[in-house]
Amino acid sequence: MVVARFIERVHFMSKASTSTRAKRATAKNAKGAAKTASTPRAESKQARLIAMLRQPDGATIVEITKALEWQPHTVRGAIAGALKKKLGLKVESEKVDDRGRVYRMPSSG
């Protein structure tokens, strides 16, 4: 008798949690659909990073870390995640003898 009640209760709880999960997923998808890629605020560090990369000479990781007071892994993550993936910007890099690896954004995009 006790086992039967326990099984009914577990079954009832699993049904409720499934429907709750479905509602949460639907709400999450609705929020994600409304979100679109946007441009960064004018005075944000992300905007400053983009400005540095748009310079004809580009910028190195060391130069960016000093200017933005970020760690090197944060700079690399911002370039790969925020700029390339989220904003869809093209960022190129090349090895320069006297400066090291230089990152820049081509003028077209």
Protein backbone atom coordinates (compact mmCIF):
# COMPACT_ATOMS: atom_id res chain seq x y z
CA MET A 1 0.00 0.00 0.00
CA VAL A 2 2.76 2.44 0.95
CA VAL A 3 4.77 1.44 -2.10
CA ALA A 4 1.78 2.02 -4.39
CA ARG A 5 1.31 5.54 -3.01
CA PHE A 6 5.00 6.23 -3.42
CA ILE A 7 4.92 5.09 -7.05
CA GLU A 8 1.83 7.23 -7.76
CA ARG A 9 3.51 10.21 -6.17
CA VAL A 10 6.73 9.75 -8.15
CA HIS A 11 4.73 9.35 -11.35
CA PHE A 12 2.74 12.50 -10.59
CA MET A 13 5.92 14.45 -9.79
CA SER A 14 7.65 13.34 -12.98
CA LYS A 15 4.66 14.48 -15.06
CA ALA A 16 4.66 17.88 -13.38
CA SER A 17 8.37 18.36 -13.81
CA THR A 18 8.16 17.42 -17.50
CA SER A 19 5.48 19.99 -18.20
CA THR A 20 7.36 22.58 -16.16
CA ARG A 21 10.52 21.88 -18.15
CA ALA A 22 8.59 22.27 -21.40
CA LYS A 23 7.19 25.63 -20.27
CA ARG A 24 10.63 26.85 -19.26
CA ALA A 25 12.14 25.77 -22.58
CA THR A 26 9.39 27.55 -24.51
CA ALA A 27 9.90 30.73 -22.51
CA LYS A 28 13.66 30.52 -22.99
CA ASN A 29 13.28 30.06 -26.76
CA ALA A 30 10.95 33.05 -26.94
CA LYS A 31 13.49 35.22 -25.14
CA GLY A 32 16.29 34.01 -27.41
CA ALA A 33 14.29 34.68 -30.55
CA ALA A 34 13.68 38.28 -29.53
CA LYS A 35 17.39 38.84 -28.94
CA THR A 36 19.33 40.08 -31.96
CA ALA A 37 22.94 41.03 -32.54
CA SER A 38 23.47 44.68 -31.76
CA THR A 39 26.29 47.16 -31.78
CA PRO A 40 28.15 47.87 -28.55
CA ARG A 41 27.63 51.10 -26.60
CA ALA A 42 29.93 53.91 -27.71
CA GLU A 43 32.05 54.08 -24.54
CA SER A 44 32.18 50.36 -23.70
CA LYS A 45 35.35 48.31 -23.62
CA GLN A 46 33.99 46.26 -26.49
CA ALA A 47 33.65 49.43 -28.60
CA ARG A 48 37.19 50.43 -27.65
CA LEU A 49 38.42 46.97 -28.67
CA ILE A 50 36.72 47.30 -32.06
CA ALA A 51 38.26 50.77 -32.53
CA MET A 52 41.73 49.39 -31.77
CA LEU A 53 41.27 46.54 -34.25
CA ARG A 54 40.03 48.93 -36.97
CA GLN A 55 43.24 50.95 -36.87
CA PRO A 56 45.40 50.35 -39.96
CA ASP A 57 48.19 48.87 -37.81
CA GLY A 58 45.78 46.71 -35.79
CA ALA A 59 46.63 45.76 -32.21
CA THR A 60 48.45 43.02 -30.36
CA ILE A 61 47.12 41.14 -27.33
CA VAL A 62 49.62 43.01 -25.12
CA GLU A 63 48.48 46.40 -26.41
CA ILE A 64 44.83 45.51 -25.87
CA THR A 65 45.42 44.15 -22.36
CA LYS A 66 47.14 47.39 -21.33
CA ALA A 67 44.48 49.64 -22.88
CA LEU A 68 41.45 47.75 -21.56
CA GLU A 69 42.99 46.35 -18.36
CA TRP A 70 41.94 42.83 -19.34
CA GLN A 71 43.73 39.50 -19.03
CA PRO A 72 45.06 37.99 -22.29
CA HIS A 73 42.53 35.13 -22.19
CA THR A 74 39.72 37.68 -21.89
CA VAL A 75 40.94 39.50 -25.00
CA ARG A 76 41.11 36.27 -26.99
CA GLY A 77 37.66 35.27 -25.75
CA ALA A 78 36.16 38.64 -26.66
CA ILE A 79 37.60 38.46 -30.16
CA ALA A 80 36.43 34.89 -30.76
CA GLY A 81 33.09 35.05 -28.95
CA ALA A 82 31.70 38.56 -28.91
CA LEU A 83 33.18 39.94 -32.12
CA LYS A 84 33.32 36.92 -34.41
CA LYS A 85 30.42 34.78 -33.23
CA LYS A 86 27.89 37.19 -31.76
CA LEU A 87 28.47 40.30 -33.87
CA GLY A 88 29.62 38.44 -36.99
CA LEU A 89 32.64 40.67 -37.53
CA LYS A 90 35.69 39.50 -39.47
CA VAL A 91 38.92 39.64 -37.49
CA GLU A 92 42.22 38.74 -39.14
CA SER A 93 45.54 38.02 -37.52
CA GLU A 94 49.06 37.88 -38.82
CA LYS A 95 52.49 37.42 -37.36
CA VAL A 96 54.61 40.59 -37.60
CA ASP A 97 58.33 40.28 -36.92
CA ASP A 98 58.82 43.20 -34.53
CA ARG A 99 55.36 43.17 -32.83
CA GLY A 100 54.26 39.54 -32.67
CA ARG A 101 50.72 38.48 -33.59
CA VAL A 102 48.66 41.46 -34.73
CA TYR A 103 44.87 41.38 -34.89
CA ARG A 104 42.93 43.72 -37.17
CA MET A 105 39.55 44.12 -38.76
CA PRO A 106 39.49 44.70 -42.51
CA SER A 107 37.88 47.97 -43.53
CA SER A 108 35.02 46.17 -45.33
CA GLY A 109 33.65 44.45 -42.24
